[in-house]
Amino acid sequence: YGAYKIRCEDAIWAANPNAMVARLGYQIDPGGLGNNMIAHLDAQART
């Protein structure tokens, strides 16, 4: 996954040196749905 994102970043900067790249960390959603820290922790606790 990290290597894939590096390939994307490289393709983007080759095409557009002014492009903005925001490197996001783990997201927290208090609603706990979807791909986020709360949902993953909740699933781990249930399992």
ModelCIF file with pLDDT and N, C-alpha, C, O atoms, coordinates in Angstrom:
data_MODEL
#
_entry.id   MODEL 
#
_entity.id                         1 
_entity.type                       polymer 
_entity.pdbx_number_of_molecules   1 
#
_entity_poly.entity_id                      1 
_entity_poly.type                           'polypeptide(L)' 
_entity_poly.nstd_linkage                   no 
_entity_poly.nstd_monomer                   no 
_entity_poly.pdbx_seq_one_letter_code       YGAYKIRCEDAIWAANPNAMVARLGYQIDPGGLGNNMIAHLDAQART 
_entity_poly.pdbx_seq_one_letter_code_can   YGAYKIRCEDAIWAANPNAMVARLGYQIDPGGLGNNMIAHLDAQART 
_entity_poly.pdbx_strand_id                 A 
#
loop_
_entity_poly_seq.entity_id 
_entity_poly_seq.num 
_entity_poly_seq.mon_id 
_entity_poly_seq.hetero 
1 1  TYR n 
1 2  GLY n 
1 3  ALA n 
1 4  TYR n 
1 5  LYS n 
1 6  ILE n 
1 7  ARG n 
1 8  CYS n 
1 9  GLU n 
1 10 ASP n 
1 11 ALA n 
1 12 ILE n 
1 13 TRP n 
1 14 ALA n 
1 15 ALA n 
1 16 ASN n 
1 17 PRO n 
1 18 ASN n 
1 19 ALA n 
1 20 MET n 
1 21 VAL n 
1 22 ALA n 
1 23 ARG n 
1 24 LEU n 
1 25 GLY n 
1 26 TYR n 
1 27 GLN n 
1 28 ILE n 
1 29 ASP n 
1 30 PRO n 
1 31 GLY n 
1 32 GLY n 
1 33 LEU n 
1 34 GLY n 
1 35 ASN n 
1 36 ASN n 
1 37 MET n 
1 38 ILE n 
1 39 ALA n 
1 40 HIS n 
1 41 LEU n 
1 42 ASP n 
1 43 ALA n 
1 44 GLN n 
1 45 ALA n 
1 46 ARG n 
1 47 THR n 
#
_struct_asym.id          A 
_struct_asym.entity_id   1 
#
loop_
_ma_qa_metric.id 
_ma_qa_metric.mode 
_ma_qa_metric.name 
_ma_qa_metric.software_group_id 
_ma_qa_metric.type 
1 global pLDDT . pLDDT 
2 local  pLDDT . pLDDT 
#
_ma_qa_metric_global.metric_id      1 
_ma_qa_metric_global.metric_value   90.32 
_ma_qa_metric_global.model_id       1 
_ma_qa_metric_global.ordinal_id     1 
#
loop_
_ma_qa_metric_local.label_asym_id 
_ma_qa_metric_local.label_comp_id 
_ma_qa_metric_local.label_seq_id 
_ma_qa_metric_local.metric_id 
_ma_qa_metric_local.metric_value 
_ma_qa_metric_local.model_id 
_ma_qa_metric_local.ordinal_id 
A TYR 1  2 95.00 1 1  
A GLY 2  2 95.00 1 2  
A ALA 3  2 97.00 1 3  
A TYR 4  2 98.00 1 4  
A LYS 5  2 98.00 1 5  
A ILE 6  2 98.00 1 6  
A ARG 7  2 98.00 1 7  
A CYS 8  2 98.00 1 8  
A GLU 9  2 98.00 1 9  
A ASP 10 2 98.00 1 10 
A ALA 11 2 98.00 1 11 
A ILE 12 2 98.00 1 12 
A TRP 13 2 98.00 1 13 
A ALA 14 2 98.00 1 14 
A ALA 15 2 98.00 1 15 
A ASN 16 2 98.00 1 16 
A PRO 17 2 97.00 1 17 
A ASN 18 2 96.00 1 18 
A ALA 19 2 97.00 1 19 
A MET 20 2 97.00 1 20 
A VAL 21 2 96.00 1 21 
A ALA 22 2 96.00 1 22 
A ARG 23 2 94.00 1 23 
A LEU 24 2 92.00 1 24 
A GLY 25 2 87.00 1 25 
A TYR 26 2 84.00 1 26 
A GLN 27 2 88.00 1 27 
A ILE 28 2 86.00 1 28 
A ASP 29 2 87.00 1 29 
A PRO 30 2 81.00 1 30 
A GLY 31 2 79.00 1 31 
A GLY 32 2 69.00 1 32 
A LEU 33 2 72.00 1 33 
A GLY 34 2 76.00 1 34 
A ASN 35 2 79.00 1 35 
A ASN 36 2 78.00 1 36 
A MET 37 2 82.00 1 37 
A ILE 38 2 83.00 1 38 
A ALA 39 2 82.00 1 39 
A HIS 40 2 83.00 1 40 
A LEU 41 2 85.00 1 41 
A ASP 42 2 87.00 1 42 
A ALA 43 2 87.00 1 43 
A GLN 44 2 88.00 1 44 
A ALA 45 2 91.00 1 45 
A ARG 46 2 92.00 1 46 
A THR 47 2 93.00 1 47 
#
loop_
_atom_site.group_PDB 
_atom_site.id 
_atom_site.type_symbol 
_atom_site.label_atom_id 
_atom_site.label_alt_id 
_atom_site.label_comp_id 
_atom_site.label_asym_id 
_atom_site.label_entity_id 
_atom_site.label_seq_id 
_atom_site.pdbx_PDB_ins_code 
_atom_site.Cartn_x 
_atom_site.Cartn_y 
_atom_site.Cartn_z 
_atom_site.occupancy 
_atom_site.B_iso_or_equiv 
_atom_site.pdbx_formal_charge 
_atom_site.auth_seq_id 
_atom_site.auth_comp_id 
_atom_site.auth_asym_id 
_atom_site.auth_atom_id 
_atom_site.pdbx_PDB_model_num 
ATOM 1   N N  . TYR A 1 1  ? 0.824   -1.209  0.000   1.00 95.00 ? 1  TYR A N  1 
ATOM 2   C CA . TYR A 1 1  ? 0.000   0.000   0.000   1.00 95.00 ? 1  TYR A CA 1 
ATOM 3   C C  . TYR A 1 1  ? 0.862   1.264   0.000   1.00 95.00 ? 1  TYR A C  1 
ATOM 4   O O  . TYR A 1 1  ? 0.616   2.186   -0.778  1.00 95.00 ? 1  TYR A O  1 
ATOM 5   N N  . GLY A 1 2  ? 1.850   1.303   0.857   1.00 95.00 ? 2  GLY A N  1 
ATOM 6   C CA . GLY A 1 2  ? 2.743   2.459   0.889   1.00 95.00 ? 2  GLY A CA 1 
ATOM 7   C C  . GLY A 1 2  ? 3.484   2.635   -0.427  1.00 95.00 ? 2  GLY A C  1 
ATOM 8   O O  . GLY A 1 2  ? 3.636   3.756   -0.913  1.00 95.00 ? 2  GLY A O  1 
ATOM 9   N N  . ALA A 1 3  ? 3.949   1.526   -1.006  1.00 97.00 ? 3  ALA A N  1 
ATOM 10  C CA . ALA A 1 3  ? 4.653   1.587   -2.294  1.00 97.00 ? 3  ALA A CA 1 
ATOM 11  C C  . ALA A 1 3  ? 3.715   2.074   -3.404  1.00 97.00 ? 3  ALA A C  1 
ATOM 12  O O  . ALA A 1 3  ? 4.130   2.836   -4.276  1.00 97.00 ? 3  ALA A O  1 
ATOM 13  N N  . TYR A 1 4  ? 2.460   1.637   -3.370  1.00 98.00 ? 4  TYR A N  1 
ATOM 14  C CA . TYR A 1 4  ? 1.465   2.108   -4.343  1.00 98.00 ? 4  TYR A CA 1 
ATOM 15  C C  . TYR A 1 4  ? 1.284   3.626   -4.231  1.00 98.00 ? 4  TYR A C  1 
ATOM 16  O O  . TYR A 1 4  ? 1.267   4.326   -5.243  1.00 98.00 ? 4  TYR A O  1 
ATOM 17  N N  . LYS A 1 5  ? 1.151   4.122   -3.024  1.00 98.00 ? 5  LYS A N  1 
ATOM 18  C CA . LYS A 1 5  ? 0.961   5.564   -2.837  1.00 98.00 ? 5  LYS A CA 1 
ATOM 19  C C  . LYS A 1 5  ? 2.198   6.341   -3.308  1.00 98.00 ? 5  LYS A C  1 
ATOM 20  O O  . LYS A 1 5  ? 2.070   7.445   -3.836  1.00 98.00 ? 5  LYS A O  1 
ATOM 21  N N  . ILE A 1 6  ? 3.382   5.775   -3.119  1.00 98.00 ? 6  ILE A N  1 
ATOM 22  C CA . ILE A 1 6  ? 4.602   6.424   -3.629  1.00 98.00 ? 6  ILE A CA 1 
ATOM 23  C C  . ILE A 1 6  ? 4.536   6.516   -5.156  1.00 98.00 ? 6  ILE A C  1 
ATOM 24  O O  . ILE A 1 6  ? 4.875   7.555   -5.723  1.00 98.00 ? 6  ILE A O  1 
ATOM 25  N N  . ARG A 1 7  ? 4.110   5.457   -5.819  1.00 98.00 ? 7  ARG A N  1 
ATOM 26  C CA . ARG A 1 7  ? 3.994   5.493   -7.286  1.00 98.00 ? 7  ARG A CA 1 
ATOM 27  C C  . ARG A 1 7  ? 2.997   6.561   -7.722  1.00 98.00 ? 7  ARG A C  1 
ATOM 28  O O  . ARG A 1 7  ? 3.222   7.256   -8.713  1.00 98.00 ? 7  ARG A O  1 
ATOM 29  N N  . CYS A 1 8  ? 1.907   6.691   -6.992  1.00 98.00 ? 8  CYS A N  1 
ATOM 30  C CA . CYS A 1 8  ? 0.931   7.745   -7.303  1.00 98.00 ? 8  CYS A CA 1 
ATOM 31  C C  . CYS A 1 8  ? 1.546   9.131   -7.123  1.00 98.00 ? 8  CYS A C  1 
ATOM 32  O O  . CYS A 1 8  ? 1.418   9.986   -7.999  1.00 98.00 ? 8  CYS A O  1 
ATOM 33  N N  . GLU A 1 9  ? 2.206   9.352   -5.997  1.00 98.00 ? 9  GLU A N  1 
ATOM 34  C CA . GLU A 1 9  ? 2.850   10.640  -5.745  1.00 98.00 ? 9  GLU A CA 1 
ATOM 35  C C  . GLU A 1 9  ? 3.834   10.975  -6.864  1.00 98.00 ? 9  GLU A C  1 
ATOM 36  O O  . GLU A 1 9  ? 3.861   12.105  -7.352  1.00 98.00 ? 9  GLU A O  1 
ATOM 37  N N  . ASP A 1 10 ? 4.639   9.995   -7.269  1.00 98.00 ? 10 ASP A N  1 
ATOM 38  C CA . ASP A 1 10 ? 5.628   10.234  -8.324  1.00 98.00 ? 10 ASP A CA 1 
ATOM 39  C C  . ASP A 1 10 ? 4.962   10.600  -9.640  1.00 98.00 ? 10 ASP A C  1 
ATOM 40  O O  . ASP A 1 10 ? 5.414   11.514  -10.329 1.00 98.00 ? 10 ASP A O  1 
ATOM 41  N N  . ALA A 1 11 ? 3.886   9.895   -9.999  1.00 98.00 ? 11 ALA A N  1 
ATOM 42  C CA . ALA A 1 11 ? 3.165   10.195  -11.238 1.00 98.00 ? 11 ALA A CA 1 
ATOM 43  C C  . ALA A 1 11 ? 2.558   11.600  -11.186 1.00 98.00 ? 11 ALA A C  1 
ATOM 44  O O  . ALA A 1 11 ? 2.557   12.326  -12.180 1.00 98.00 ? 11 ALA A O  1 
ATOM 45  N N  . ILE A 1 12 ? 2.053   11.960  -10.031 1.00 98.00 ? 12 ILE A N  1 
ATOM 46  C CA . ILE A 1 12 ? 1.434   13.282  -9.849  1.00 98.00 ? 12 ILE A CA 1 
ATOM 47  C C  . ILE A 1 12 ? 2.473   14.381  -9.991  1.00 98.00 ? 12 ILE A C  1 
ATOM 48  O O  . ILE A 1 12 ? 2.269   15.336  -10.741 1.00 98.00 ? 12 ILE A O  1 
ATOM 49  N N  . TRP A 1 13 ? 3.592   14.255  -9.273  1.00 98.00 ? 13 TRP A N  1 
ATOM 50  C CA . TRP A 1 13 ? 4.598   15.315  -9.323  1.00 98.00 ? 13 TRP A CA 1 
ATOM 51  C C  . TRP A 1 13 ? 5.292   15.388  -10.679 1.00 98.00 ? 13 TRP A C  1 
ATOM 52  O O  . TRP A 1 13 ? 5.752   16.460  -11.072 1.00 98.00 ? 13 TRP A O  1 
ATOM 53  N N  . ALA A 1 14 ? 5.379   14.277  -11.399 1.00 98.00 ? 14 ALA A N  1 
ATOM 54  C CA . ALA A 1 14 ? 5.942   14.310  -12.754 1.00 98.00 ? 14 ALA A CA 1 
ATOM 55  C C  . ALA A 1 14 ? 5.035   15.116  -13.681 1.00 98.00 ? 14 ALA A C  1 
ATOM 56  O O  . ALA A 1 14 ? 5.514   15.793  -14.591 1.00 98.00 ? 14 ALA A O  1 
ATOM 57  N N  . ALA A 1 15 ? 3.729   15.041  -13.449 1.00 98.00 ? 15 ALA A N  1 
ATOM 58  C CA . ALA A 1 15 ? 2.762   15.740  -14.290 1.00 98.00 ? 15 ALA A CA 1 
ATOM 59  C C  . ALA A 1 15 ? 2.477   17.160  -13.818 1.00 98.00 ? 15 ALA A C  1 
ATOM 60  O O  . ALA A 1 15 ? 2.079   18.017  -14.608 1.00 98.00 ? 15 ALA A O  1 
ATOM 61  N N  . ASN A 1 16 ? 2.683   17.404  -12.524 1.00 98.00 ? 16 ASN A N  1 
ATOM 62  C CA . ASN A 1 16 ? 2.284   18.695  -11.956 1.00 98.00 ? 16 ASN A CA 1 
ATOM 63  C C  . ASN A 1 16 ? 3.126   18.993  -10.711 1.00 98.00 ? 16 ASN A C  1 
ATOM 64  O O  . ASN A 1 16 ? 2.768   18.581  -9.607  1.00 98.00 ? 16 ASN A O  1 
ATOM 65  N N  . PRO A 1 17 ? 4.244   19.705  -10.885 1.00 97.00 ? 17 PRO A N  1 
ATOM 66  C CA . PRO A 1 17 ? 5.101   20.003  -9.734  1.00 97.00 ? 17 PRO A CA 1 
ATOM 67  C C  . PRO A 1 17 ? 4.413   20.841  -8.655  1.00 97.00 ? 17 PRO A C  1 
ATOM 68  O O  . PRO A 1 17 ? 4.899   20.906  -7.526  1.00 97.00 ? 17 PRO A O  1 
ATOM 69  N N  . ASN A 1 18 ? 3.287   21.482  -8.987  1.00 96.00 ? 18 ASN A N  1 
ATOM 70  C CA . ASN A 1 18 ? 2.564   22.303  -8.013  1.00 96.00 ? 18 ASN A CA 1 
ATOM 71  C C  . ASN A 1 18 ? 1.448   21.544  -7.311  1.00 96.00 ? 18 ASN A C  1 
ATOM 72  O O  . ASN A 1 18 ? 0.709   22.126  -6.517  1.00 96.00 ? 18 ASN A O  1 
ATOM 73  N N  . ALA A 1 19 ? 1.320   20.262  -7.593  1.00 97.00 ? 19 ALA A N  1 
ATOM 74  C CA . ALA A 1 19 ? 0.273   19.465  -6.963  1.00 97.00 ? 19 ALA A CA 1 
ATOM 75  C C  . ALA A 1 19 ? 0.477   19.407  -5.454  1.00 97.00 ? 19 ALA A C  1 
ATOM 76  O O  . ALA A 1 19 ? 1.603   19.432  -4.956  1.00 97.00 ? 19 ALA A O  1 
ATOM 77  N N  . MET A 1 20 ? -0.647  19.329  -4.741  1.00 97.00 ? 20 MET A N  1 
ATOM 78  C CA . MET A 1 20 ? -0.611  19.187  -3.286  1.00 97.00 ? 20 MET A CA 1 
ATOM 79  C C  . MET A 1 20 ? -0.835  17.725  -2.941  1.00 97.00 ? 20 MET A C  1 
ATOM 80  O O  . MET A 1 20 ? -1.742  17.082  -3.469  1.00 97.00 ? 20 MET A O  1 
ATOM 81  N N  . VAL A 1 21 ? -0.004  17.209  -2.052  1.00 96.00 ? 21 VAL A N  1 
ATOM 82  C CA . VAL A 1 21 ? -0.135  15.842  -1.564  1.00 96.00 ? 21 VAL A CA 1 
ATOM 83  C C  . VAL A 1 21 ? -0.303  15.917  -0.055  1.00 96.00 ? 21 VAL A C  1 
ATOM 84  O O  . VAL A 1 21 ? 0.571   16.413  0.656   1.00 96.00 ? 21 VAL A O  1 
ATOM 85  N N  . ALA A 1 22 ? -1.441  15.417  0.425   1.00 96.00 ? 22 ALA A N  1 
ATOM 86  C CA . ALA A 1 22 ? -1.708  15.386  1.858   1.00 96.00 ? 22 ALA A CA 1 
ATOM 87  C C  . ALA A 1 22 ? -1.549  13.948  2.325   1.00 96.00 ? 22 ALA A C  1 
ATOM 88  O O  . ALA A 1 22 ? -2.317  13.070  1.930   1.00 96.00 ? 22 ALA A O  1 
ATOM 89  N N  . ARG A 1 23 ? -0.557  13.712  3.159   1.00 94.00 ? 23 ARG A N  1 
ATOM 90  C CA . ARG A 1 23 ? -0.300  12.366  3.677   1.00 94.00 ? 23 ARG A CA 1 
ATOM 91  C C  . ARG A 1 23 ? -1.067  12.188  4.979   1.00 94.00 ? 23 ARG A C  1 
ATOM 92  O O  . ARG A 1 23 ? -0.680  12.703  6.027   1.00 94.00 ? 23 ARG A O  1 
ATOM 93  N N  . LEU A 1 24 ? -2.150  11.453  4.884   1.00 92.00 ? 24 LEU A N  1 
ATOM 94  C CA . LEU A 1 24 ? -3.045  11.283  6.013   1.00 92.00 ? 24 LEU A CA 1 
ATOM 95  C C  . LEU A 1 24 ? -2.649  10.103  6.881   1.00 92.00 ? 24 LEU A C  1 
ATOM 96  O O  . LEU A 1 24 ? -2.190  9.070   6.394   1.00 92.00 ? 24 LEU A O  1 
ATOM 97  N N  . GLY A 1 25 ? -2.839  10.285  8.178   1.00 87.00 ? 25 GLY A N  1 
ATOM 98  C CA . GLY A 1 25 ? -2.694  9.186   9.125   1.00 87.00 ? 25 GLY A CA 1 
ATOM 99  C C  . GLY A 1 25 ? -4.039  8.531   9.333   1.00 87.00 ? 25 GLY A C  1 
ATOM 100 O O  . GLY A 1 25 ? -4.997  8.808   8.611   1.00 87.00 ? 25 GLY A O  1 
ATOM 101 N N  . TYR A 1 26 ? -4.108  7.663   10.321  1.00 84.00 ? 26 TYR A N  1 
ATOM 102 C CA . TYR A 1 26 ? -5.326  6.941   10.630  1.00 84.00 ? 26 TYR A CA 1 
ATOM 103 C C  . TYR A 1 26 ? -6.427  7.926   10.989  1.00 84.00 ? 26 TYR A C  1 
ATOM 104 O O  . TYR A 1 26 ? -6.199  8.857   11.761  1.00 84.00 ? 26 TYR A O  1 
ATOM 105 N N  . GLN A 1 27 ? -7.612  7.731   10.437  1.00 88.00 ? 27 GLN A N  1 
ATOM 106 C CA . GLN A 1 27 ? -8.737  8.624   10.693  1.00 88.00 ? 27 GLN A CA 1 
ATOM 107 C C  . GLN A 1 27 ? -9.606  8.064   11.814  1.00 88.00 ? 27 GLN A C  1 
ATOM 108 O O  . GLN A 1 27 ? -9.786  6.853   11.937  1.00 88.00 ? 27 GLN A O  1 
ATOM 109 N N  . ILE A 1 28 ? -10.137 8.971   12.625  1.00 86.00 ? 28 ILE A N  1 
ATOM 110 C CA . ILE A 1 28 ? -11.033 8.612   13.712  1.00 86.00 ? 28 ILE A CA 1 
ATOM 111 C C  . ILE A 1 28 ? -12.418 9.138   13.364  1.00 86.00 ? 28 ILE A C  1 
ATOM 112 O O  . ILE A 1 28 ? -12.597 10.335  13.138  1.00 86.00 ? 28 ILE A O  1 
ATOM 113 N N  . ASP A 1 29 ? -13.380 8.253   13.322  1.00 87.00 ? 29 ASP A N  1 
ATOM 114 C CA . ASP A 1 29 ? -14.770 8.642   13.087  1.00 87.00 ? 29 ASP A CA 1 
ATOM 115 C C  . ASP A 1 29 ? -15.581 8.206   14.300  1.00 87.00 ? 29 ASP A C  1 
ATOM 116 O O  . ASP A 1 29 ? -15.801 7.010   14.493  1.00 87.00 ? 29 ASP A O  1 
ATOM 117 N N  . PRO A 1 30 ? -16.031 9.157   15.124  1.00 81.00 ? 30 PRO A N  1 
ATOM 118 C CA . PRO A 1 30 ? -16.780 8.776   16.322  1.00 81.00 ? 30 PRO A CA 1 
ATOM 119 C C  . PRO A 1 30 ? -18.011 7.916   16.019  1.00 81.00 ? 30 PRO A C  1 
ATOM 120 O O  . PRO A 1 30 ? -18.473 7.172   16.884  1.00 81.00 ? 30 PRO A O  1 
ATOM 121 N N  . GLY A 1 31 ? -18.545 8.014   14.788  1.00 79.00 ? 31 GLY A N  1 
ATOM 122 C CA . GLY A 1 31 ? -19.668 7.167   14.398  1.00 79.00 ? 31 GLY A CA 1 
ATOM 123 C C  . GLY A 1 31 ? -19.270 5.711   14.243  1.00 79.00 ? 31 GLY A C  1 
ATOM 124 O O  . GLY A 1 31 ? -20.114 4.816   14.286  1.00 79.00 ? 31 GLY A O  1 
ATOM 125 N N  . GLY A 1 32 ? -17.976 5.481   14.063  1.00 69.00 ? 32 GLY A N  1 
ATOM 126 C CA . GLY A 1 32 ? -17.445 4.131   14.038  1.00 69.00 ? 32 GLY A CA 1 
ATOM 127 C C  . GLY A 1 32 ? -17.756 3.315   12.808  1.00 69.00 ? 32 GLY A C  1 
ATOM 128 O O  . GLY A 1 32 ? -17.623 2.092   12.840  1.00 69.00 ? 32 GLY A O  1 
ATOM 129 N N  . LEU A 1 33 ? -18.165 3.945   11.727  1.00 72.00 ? 33 LEU A N  1 
ATOM 130 C CA . LEU A 1 33 ? -18.504 3.203   10.521  1.00 72.00 ? 33 LEU A CA 1 
ATOM 131 C C  . LEU A 1 33 ? -17.378 3.307   9.499   1.00 72.00 ? 33 LEU A C  1 
ATOM 132 O O  . LEU A 1 33 ? -16.658 4.304   9.463   1.00 72.00 ? 33 LEU A O  1 
ATOM 133 N N  . GLY A 1 34 ? -17.228 2.287   8.679   1.00 76.00 ? 34 GLY A N  1 
ATOM 134 C CA . GLY A 1 34 ? -16.280 2.357   7.568   1.00 76.00 ? 34 GLY A CA 1 
ATOM 135 C C  . GLY A 1 34 ? -14.852 2.074   7.970   1.00 76.00 ? 34 GLY A C  1 
ATOM 136 O O  . GLY A 1 34 ? -14.584 1.435   8.988   1.00 76.00 ? 34 GLY A O  1 
ATOM 137 N N  . ASN A 1 35 ? -13.932 2.568   7.140   1.00 79.00 ? 35 ASN A N  1 
ATOM 138 C CA . ASN A 1 35 ? -12.502 2.329   7.307   1.00 79.00 ? 35 ASN A CA 1 
ATOM 139 C C  . ASN A 1 35 ? -11.912 3.404   8.210   1.00 79.00 ? 35 ASN A C  1 
ATOM 140 O O  . ASN A 1 35 ? -11.433 4.429   7.725   1.00 79.00 ? 35 ASN A O  1 
ATOM 141 N N  . ASN A 1 36 ? -11.944 3.180   9.506   1.00 78.00 ? 36 ASN A N  1 
ATOM 142 C CA . ASN A 1 36 ? -11.395 4.153   10.446  1.00 78.00 ? 36 ASN A CA 1 
ATOM 143 C C  . ASN A 1 36 ? -11.008 3.455   11.736  1.00 78.00 ? 36 ASN A C  1 
ATOM 144 O O  . ASN A 1 36 ? -11.362 2.300   11.970  1.00 78.00 ? 36 ASN A O  1 
ATOM 145 N N  . MET A 1 37 ? -10.281 4.173   12.558  1.00 82.00 ? 37 MET A N  1 
ATOM 146 C CA . MET A 1 37 ? -9.727  3.591   13.777  1.00 82.00 ? 37 MET A CA 1 
ATOM 147 C C  . MET A 1 37 ? -10.798 3.024   14.711  1.00 82.00 ? 37 MET A C  1 
ATOM 148 O O  . MET A 1 37 ? -10.629 1.921   15.230  1.00 82.00 ? 37 MET A O  1 
ATOM 149 N N  . ILE A 1 38 ? -11.880 3.741   14.935  1.00 83.00 ? 38 ILE A N  1 
ATOM 150 C CA . ILE A 1 38 ? -12.915 3.288   15.869  1.00 83.00 ? 38 ILE A CA 1 
ATOM 151 C C  . ILE A 1 38 ? -13.529 1.975   15.381  1.00 83.00 ? 38 ILE A C  1 
ATOM 152 O O  . ILE A 1 38 ? -13.728 1.055   16.175  1.00 83.00 ? 38 ILE A O  1 
ATOM 153 N N  . ALA A 1 39 ? -13.830 1.880   14.089  1.00 82.00 ? 39 ALA A N  1 
ATOM 154 C CA . ALA A 1 39 ? -14.415 0.650   13.540  1.00 82.00 ? 39 ALA A CA 1 
ATOM 155 C C  . ALA A 1 39 ? -13.448 -0.521  13.683  1.00 82.00 ? 39 ALA A C  1 
ATOM 156 O O  . ALA A 1 39 ? -13.866 -1.626  14.030  1.00 82.00 ? 39 ALA A O  1 
ATOM 157 N N  . HIS A 1 40 ? -12.173 -0.297  13.423  1.00 83.00 ? 40 HIS A N  1 
ATOM 158 C CA . HIS A 1 40 ? -11.188 -1.371  13.535  1.00 83.00 ? 40 HIS A CA 1 
ATOM 159 C C  . HIS A 1 40 ? -11.003 -1.810  14.991  1.00 83.00 ? 40 HIS A C  1 
ATOM 160 O O  . HIS A 1 40 ? -10.904 -3.005  15.269  1.00 83.00 ? 40 HIS A O  1 
ATOM 161 N N  . LEU A 1 41 ? -10.958 -0.861  15.910  1.00 85.00 ? 41 LEU A N  1 
ATOM 162 C CA . LEU A 1 41 ? -10.819 -1.217  17.326  1.00 85.00 ? 41 LEU A CA 1 
ATOM 163 C C  . LEU A 1 41 ? -12.058 -1.947  17.834  1.00 85.00 ? 41 LEU A C  1 
ATOM 164 O O  . LEU A 1 41 ? -11.956 -2.897  18.610  1.00 85.00 ? 41 LEU A O  1 
ATOM 165 N N  . ASP A 1 42 ? -13.233 -1.491  17.386  1.00 87.00 ? 42 ASP A N  1 
ATOM 166 C CA . ASP A 1 42 ? -14.477 -2.144  17.777  1.00 87.00 ? 42 ASP A CA 1 
ATOM 167 C C  . ASP A 1 42 ? -14.508 -3.588  17.261  1.00 87.00 ? 42 ASP A C  1 
ATOM 168 O O  . ASP A 1 42 ? -14.909 -4.498  17.986  1.00 87.00 ? 42 ASP A O  1 
ATOM 169 N N  . ALA A 1 43 ? -14.084 -3.795  16.011  1.00 87.00 ? 43 ALA A N  1 
ATOM 170 C CA . ALA A 1 43 ? -14.047 -5.149  15.449  1.00 87.00 ? 43 ALA A CA 1 
ATOM 171 C C  . ALA A 1 43 ? -13.063 -6.026  16.211  1.00 87.00 ? 43 ALA A C  1 
ATOM 172 O O  . ALA A 1 43 ? -13.340 -7.200  16.455  1.00 87.00 ? 43 ALA A O  1 
ATOM 173 N N  . GLN A 1 44 ? -11.914 -5.466  16.589  1.00 88.00 ? 44 GLN A N  1 
ATOM 174 C CA . GLN A 1 44 ? -10.920 -6.233  17.348  1.00 88.00 ? 44 GLN A CA 1 
ATOM 175 C C  . GLN A 1 44 ? -11.492 -6.618  18.713  1.00 88.00 ? 44 GLN A C  1 
ATOM 176 O O  . GLN A 1 44 ? -11.286 -7.739  19.178  1.00 88.00 ? 44 GLN A O  1 
ATOM 177 N N  . ALA A 1 45 ? -12.197 -5.709  19.344  1.00 91.00 ? 45 ALA A N  1 
ATOM 178 C CA . ALA A 1 45 ? -12.784 -6.003  20.656  1.00 91.00 ? 45 ALA A CA 1 
ATOM 179 C C  . ALA A 1 45 ? -13.856 -7.089  20.535  1.00 91.00 ? 45 ALA A C  1 
ATOM 180 O O  . ALA A 1 45 ? -13.939 -7.964  21.397  1.00 91.00 ? 45 ALA A O  1 
ATOM 181 N N  . ARG A 1 46 ? -14.670 -7.047  19.489  1.00 92.00 ? 46 ARG A N  1 
ATOM 182 C CA . ARG A 1 46 ? -15.704 -8.073  19.298  1.00 92.00 ? 46 ARG A CA 1 
ATOM 183 C C  . ARG A 1 46 ? -15.073 -9.435  19.016  1.00 92.00 ? 46 ARG A C  1 
ATOM 184 O O  . ARG A 1 46 ? -15.543 -10.456 19.516  1.00 92.00 ? 46 ARG A O  1 
ATOM 185 N N  . THR A 1 47 ? -14.007 -9.446  18.211  1.00 93.00 ? 47 THR A N  1 
ATOM 186 C CA . THR A 1 47 ? -13.370 -10.703 17.828  1.00 93.00 ? 47 THR A CA 1 
ATOM 187 C C  . THR A 1 47 ? -12.538 -11.294 18.956  1.00 93.00 ? 47 THR A C  1 
ATOM 188 O O  . THR A 1 47 ? -11.936 -12.355 18.789  1.00 93.00 ? 47 THR A O  1 
#
